[in-house]
Amino acid sequence: MAYTINDDCVMCGACAGECPVNAISEGDGKYIINAETCIECGACAEVCPVGAPKSE
């Protein structure tokens, strides 16, 4: 199951910079992950300072 970003996101952009398939983009108040592009590698979760990306 693809990762999602919860409301804890502080819009720092660390996750987007680490995504190897560019599945993460700016949304309205938080970053969002395109589930069809996400390869579930976890790189976003490893760099997030607030733990916003979660695997469903």
PDB file of N, CA and C in Angstrom:
ATOM      1  N   MET A   1       0.843  -1.184   0.000  1.00  0.00           N
ATOM      2  CA  MET A   1       0.000   0.000   0.000  1.00  0.00           C
ATOM      3  C   MET A   1       0.887   1.246   0.000  1.00  0.00           C
ATOM      4  N   ALA A   2       0.560   2.225  -0.780  1.00  0.00           N
ATOM      5  CA  ALA A   2       1.351   3.443  -0.909  1.00  0.00           C
ATOM      6  C   ALA A   2       1.374   4.239   0.397  1.00  0.00           C
ATOM      7  N   TYR A   3       2.422   5.022   0.557  1.00  0.00           N
ATOM      8  CA  TYR A   3       2.529   5.906   1.707  1.00  0.00           C
ATOM      9  C   TYR A   3       1.550   7.064   1.543  1.00  0.00           C
ATOM     10  N   THR A   4       1.127   7.616   2.666  1.00  0.00           N
ATOM     11  CA  THR A   4       0.324   8.835   2.688  1.00  0.00           C
ATOM     12  C   THR A   4       0.968   9.787   3.687  1.00  0.00           C
ATOM     13  N   ILE A   5       0.653  11.054   3.574  1.00  0.00           N
ATOM     14  CA  ILE A   5       1.189  12.062   4.491  1.00  0.00           C
ATOM     15  C   ILE A   5       0.041  12.594   5.327  1.00  0.00           C
ATOM     16  N   ASN A   6       0.201  12.498   6.650  1.00  0.00           N
ATOM     17  CA  ASN A   6      -0.873  12.942   7.542  1.00  0.00           C
ATOM     18  C   ASN A   6      -0.782  14.444   7.830  1.00  0.00           C
ATOM     19  N   ASP A   7      -1.691  14.928   8.657  1.00  0.00           N
ATOM     20  CA  ASP A   7      -1.792  16.363   8.944  1.00  0.00           C
ATOM     21  C   ASP A   7      -0.654  16.897   9.805  1.00  0.00           C
ATOM     22  N   ASP A   8       0.257  16.041  10.247  1.00  0.00           N
ATOM     23  CA  ASP A   8       1.418  16.505  11.011  1.00  0.00           C
ATOM     24  C   ASP A   8       2.436  17.203  10.115  1.00  0.00           C
ATOM     25  N   CYS A   9       2.275  17.098   8.800  1.00  0.00           N
ATOM     26  CA  CYS A   9       3.196  17.686   7.823  1.00  0.00           C
ATOM     27  C   CYS A   9       3.398  19.181   8.091  1.00  0.00           C
ATOM     28  N   VAL A  10       4.685  19.601   8.106  1.00  0.00           N
ATOM     29  CA  VAL A  10       5.025  21.005   8.326  1.00  0.00           C
ATOM     30  C   VAL A  10       5.536  21.688   7.041  1.00  0.00           C
ATOM     31  N   MET A  11       5.319  21.030   5.901  1.00  0.00           N
ATOM     32  CA  MET A  11       5.667  21.588   4.585  1.00  0.00           C
ATOM     33  C   MET A  11       7.159  21.942   4.449  1.00  0.00           C
ATOM     34  N   CYS A  12       8.024  21.128   5.030  1.00  0.00           N
ATOM     35  CA  CYS A  12       9.458  21.418   4.931  1.00  0.00           C
ATOM     36  C   CYS A  12      10.047  20.989   3.590  1.00  0.00           C
ATOM     37  N   GLY A  13       9.420  20.005   2.931  1.00  0.00           N
ATOM     38  CA  GLY A  13       9.880  19.549   1.627  1.00  0.00           C
ATOM     39  C   GLY A  13      10.957  18.485   1.656  1.00  0.00           C
ATOM     40  N   ALA A  14      11.368  18.044   2.826  1.00  0.00           N
ATOM     41  CA  ALA A  14      12.412  17.022   2.923  1.00  0.00           C
ATOM     42  C   ALA A  14      12.005  15.748   2.203  1.00  0.00           C
ATOM     43  N   CYS A  15      10.758  15.361   2.339  1.00  0.00           N
ATOM     44  CA  CYS A  15      10.274  14.118   1.725  1.00  0.00           C
ATOM     45  C   CYS A  15      10.311  14.196   0.208  1.00  0.00           C
ATOM     46  N   ALA A  16       9.886  15.304  -0.334  1.00  0.00           N
ATOM     47  CA  ALA A  16       9.831  15.462  -1.788  1.00  0.00           C
ATOM     48  C   ALA A  16      11.221  15.348  -2.402  1.00  0.00           C
ATOM     49  N   GLY A  17      12.212  15.877  -1.715  1.00  0.00           N
ATOM     50  CA  GLY A  17      13.578  15.823  -2.204  1.00  0.00           C
ATOM     51  C   GLY A  17      14.168  14.428  -2.201  1.00  0.00           C
ATOM     52  N   GLU A  18      13.651  13.555  -1.365  1.00  0.00           N
ATOM     53  CA  GLU A  18      14.171  12.194  -1.252  1.00  0.00           C
ATOM     54  C   GLU A  18      13.443  11.171  -2.108  1.00  0.00           C
ATOM     55  N   CYS A  19      12.266  11.484  -2.596  1.00  0.00           N
ATOM     56  CA  CYS A  19      11.471  10.516  -3.346  1.00  0.00           C
ATOM     57  C   CYS A  19      12.138  10.195  -4.686  1.00  0.00           C
ATOM     58  N   PRO A  20      12.529   8.918  -4.900  1.00  0.00           N
ATOM     59  CA  PRO A  20      13.234   8.573  -6.135  1.00  0.00           C
ATOM     60  C   PRO A  20      12.357   8.551  -7.386  1.00  0.00           C
ATOM     61  N   VAL A  21      11.034   8.562  -7.205  1.00  0.00           N
ATOM     62  CA  VAL A  21      10.126   8.524  -8.362  1.00  0.00           C
ATOM     63  C   VAL A  21       9.280   9.792  -8.483  1.00  0.00           C
ATOM     64  N   ASN A  22       9.625  10.820  -7.722  1.00  0.00           N
ATOM     65  CA  ASN A  22       8.920  12.111  -7.755  1.00  0.00           C
ATOM     66  C   ASN A  22       7.417  11.966  -7.550  1.00  0.00           C
ATOM     67  N   ALA A  23       7.026  11.145  -6.578  1.00  0.00           N
ATOM     68  CA  ALA A  23       5.609  10.921  -6.295  1.00  0.00           C
ATOM     69  C   ALA A  23       5.028  11.945  -5.336  1.00  0.00           C
ATOM     70  N   ILE A  24       5.873  12.823  -4.773  1.00  0.00           N
ATOM     71  CA  ILE A  24       5.430  13.759  -3.745  1.00  0.00           C
ATOM     72  C   ILE A  24       5.391  15.173  -4.296  1.00  0.00           C
ATOM     73  N   SER A  25       4.274  15.860  -4.037  1.00  0.00           N
ATOM     74  CA  SER A  25       4.130  17.233  -4.493  1.00  0.00           C
ATOM     75  C   SER A  25       3.423  18.056  -3.416  1.00  0.00           C
ATOM     76  N   GLU A  26       3.504  19.380  -3.558  1.00  0.00           N
ATOM     77  CA  GLU A  26       2.850  20.266  -2.609  1.00  0.00           C
ATOM     78  C   GLU A  26       1.346  20.195  -2.767  1.00  0.00           C
ATOM     79  N   GLY A  27       0.664  20.075  -1.641  1.00  0.00           N
ATOM     80  CA  GLY A  27      -0.791  20.090  -1.637  1.00  0.00           C
ATOM     81  C   GLY A  27      -1.275  21.311  -0.895  1.00  0.00           C
ATOM     82  N   ASP A  28      -2.492  21.289  -0.469  1.00  0.00           N
ATOM     83  CA  ASP A  28      -3.089  22.401   0.259  1.00  0.00           C
ATOM     84  C   ASP A  28      -2.804  22.249   1.745  1.00  0.00           C
ATOM     85  N   GLY A  29      -1.722  22.854   2.214  1.00  0.00           N
ATOM     86  CA  GLY A  29      -1.361  22.805   3.623  1.00  0.00           C
ATOM     87  C   GLY A  29      -0.477  21.643   4.023  1.00  0.00           C
ATOM     88  N   LYS A  30      -0.243  20.707   3.119  1.00  0.00           N
ATOM     89  CA  LYS A  30       0.676  19.593   3.368  1.00  0.00           C
ATOM     90  C   LYS A  30       1.090  18.987   2.035  1.00  0.00           C
ATOM     91  N   TYR A  31       2.145  18.219   2.070  1.00  0.00           N
ATOM     92  CA  TYR A  31       2.563  17.510   0.859  1.00  0.00           C
ATOM     93  C   TYR A  31       1.651  16.304   0.646  1.00  0.00           C
ATOM     94  N   ILE A  32       1.547  15.869  -0.599  1.00  0.00           N
ATOM     95  CA  ILE A  32       0.719  14.705  -0.924  1.00  0.00           C
ATOM     96  C   ILE A  32       1.545  13.713  -1.732  1.00  0.00           C
ATOM     97  N   ILE A  33       1.181  12.447  -1.628  1.00  0.00           N
ATOM     98  CA  ILE A  33       1.875  11.387  -2.351  1.00  0.00           C
ATOM     99  C   ILE A  33       0.918  10.788  -3.371  1.00  0.00           C
ATOM    100  N   ASN A  34       1.368  10.715  -4.615  1.00  0.00           N
ATOM    101  CA  ASN A  34       0.586  10.084  -5.673  1.00  0.00           C
ATOM    102  C   ASN A  34       0.692   8.574  -5.486  1.00  0.00           C
ATOM    103  N   ALA A  35      -0.402   7.944  -5.086  1.00  0.00           N
ATOM    104  CA  ALA A  35      -0.411   6.516  -4.779  1.00  0.00           C
ATOM    105  C   ALA A  35      -0.062   5.653  -5.987  1.00  0.00           C
ATOM    106  N   GLU A  36      -0.358   6.120  -7.180  1.00  0.00           N
ATOM    107  CA  GLU A  36      -0.061   5.345  -8.383  1.00  0.00           C
ATOM    108  C   GLU A  36       1.423   5.359  -8.730  1.00  0.00           C
ATOM    109  N   THR A  37       2.141   6.369  -8.248  1.00  0.00           N
ATOM    110  CA  THR A  37       3.558   6.501  -8.540  1.00  0.00           C
ATOM    111  C   THR A  37       4.430   5.960  -7.404  1.00  0.00           C
ATOM    112  N   CYS A  38       3.953   6.016  -6.187  1.00  0.00           N
ATOM    113  CA  CYS A  38       4.701   5.591  -5.002  1.00  0.00           C
ATOM    114  C   CYS A  38       5.147   4.129  -5.131  1.00  0.00           C
ATOM    115  N   ILE A  39       6.429   3.874  -4.850  1.00  0.00           N
ATOM    116  CA  ILE A  39       6.963   2.510  -4.902  1.00  0.00           C
ATOM    117  C   ILE A  39       7.167   1.932  -3.497  1.00  0.00           C
ATOM    118  N   GLU A  40       6.663   2.618  -2.497  1.00  0.00           N
ATOM    119  CA  GLU A  40       6.688   2.146  -1.106  1.00  0.00           C
ATOM    120  C   GLU A  40       8.098   1.897  -0.579  1.00  0.00           C
ATOM    121  N   CYS A  41       9.049   2.732  -0.976  1.00  0.00           N
ATOM    122  CA  CYS A  41      10.439   2.540  -0.561  1.00  0.00           C
ATOM    123  C   CYS A  41      10.708   3.048   0.854  1.00  0.00           C
ATOM    124  N   GLY A  42       9.894   4.006   1.334  1.00  0.00           N
ATOM    125  CA  GLY A  42      10.060   4.529   2.685  1.00  0.00           C
ATOM    126  C   GLY A  42      11.073   5.649   2.826  1.00  0.00           C
ATOM    127  N   ALA A  43      11.666   6.101   1.733  1.00  0.00           N
ATOM    128  CA  ALA A  43      12.659   7.171   1.801  1.00  0.00           C
ATOM    129  C   ALA A  43      12.070   8.442   2.402  1.00  0.00           C
ATOM    130  N   CYS A  44      10.828   8.728   2.089  1.00  0.00           N
ATOM    131  CA  CYS A  44      10.168   9.925   2.607  1.00  0.00           C
ATOM    132  C   CYS A  44      10.029   9.852   4.131  1.00  0.00           C
ATOM    133  N   ALA A  45       9.633   8.705   4.630  1.00  0.00           N
ATOM    134  CA  ALA A  45       9.430   8.526   6.066  1.00  0.00           C
ATOM    135  C   ALA A  45      10.740   8.636   6.834  1.00  0.00           C
ATOM    136  N   GLU A  46      11.833   8.180   6.226  1.00  0.00           N
ATOM    137  CA  GLU A  46      13.132   8.212   6.891  1.00  0.00           C
ATOM    138  C   GLU A  46      13.650   9.624   7.123  1.00  0.00           C
ATOM    139  N   VAL A  47      13.307  10.574   6.254  1.00  0.00           N
ATOM    140  CA  VAL A  47      13.838  11.927   6.380  1.00  0.00           C
ATOM    141  C   VAL A  47      12.871  12.924   7.012  1.00  0.00           C
ATOM    142  N   CYS A  48      11.617  12.551   7.179  1.00  0.00           N
ATOM    143  CA  CYS A  48      10.620  13.490   7.707  1.00  0.00           C
ATOM    144  C   CYS A  48      10.892  13.790   9.176  1.00  0.00           C
ATOM    145  N   PRO A  49      11.043  15.081   9.540  1.00  0.00           N
ATOM    146  CA  PRO A  49      11.338  15.433  10.943  1.00  0.00           C
ATOM    147  C   PRO A  49      10.149  15.240  11.883  1.00  0.00           C
ATOM    148  N   VAL A  50       8.936  15.122  11.354  1.00  0.00           N
ATOM    149  CA  VAL A  50       7.755  14.978  12.210  1.00  0.00           C
ATOM    150  C   VAL A  50       7.022  13.653  12.020  1.00  0.00           C
ATOM    151  N   GLY A  51       7.562  12.785  11.189  1.00  0.00           N
ATOM    152  CA  GLY A  51       6.952  11.458  10.980  1.00  0.00           C
ATOM    153  C   GLY A  51       5.613  11.474  10.264  1.00  0.00           C
ATOM    154  N   ALA A  52       5.424  12.433   9.360  1.00  0.00           N
ATOM    155  CA  ALA A  52       4.127  12.552   8.677  1.00  0.00           C
ATOM    156  C   ALA A  52       3.853  11.463   7.640  1.00  0.00           C
ATOM    157  N   PRO A  53       4.846  11.006   6.868  1.00  0.00           N
ATOM    158  CA  PRO A  53       4.548   9.927   5.911  1.00  0.00           C
ATOM    159  C   PRO A  53       4.319   8.597   6.635  1.00  0.00           C
ATOM    160  N   LYS A  54       3.237   7.952   6.307  1.00  0.00           N
ATOM    161  CA  LYS A  54       2.895   6.669   6.934  1.00  0.00           C
ATOM    162  C   LYS A  54       2.528   5.656   5.863  1.00  0.00           C
ATOM    163  N   SER A  55       2.875   4.412   6.116  1.00  0.00           N
ATOM    164  CA  SER A  55       2.476   3.321   5.244  1.00  0.00           C
ATOM    165  C   SER A  55       1.128   2.825   5.725  1.00  0.00           C
ATOM    166  N   GLU A  56       0.174   2.723   4.831  1.00  0.00           N
ATOM    167  CA  GLU A  56      -1.171   2.298   5.204  1.00  0.00           C
ATOM    168  C   GLU A  56      -1.239   0.795   5.358  1.00  0.00           C
TER     169      GLU A  56
END
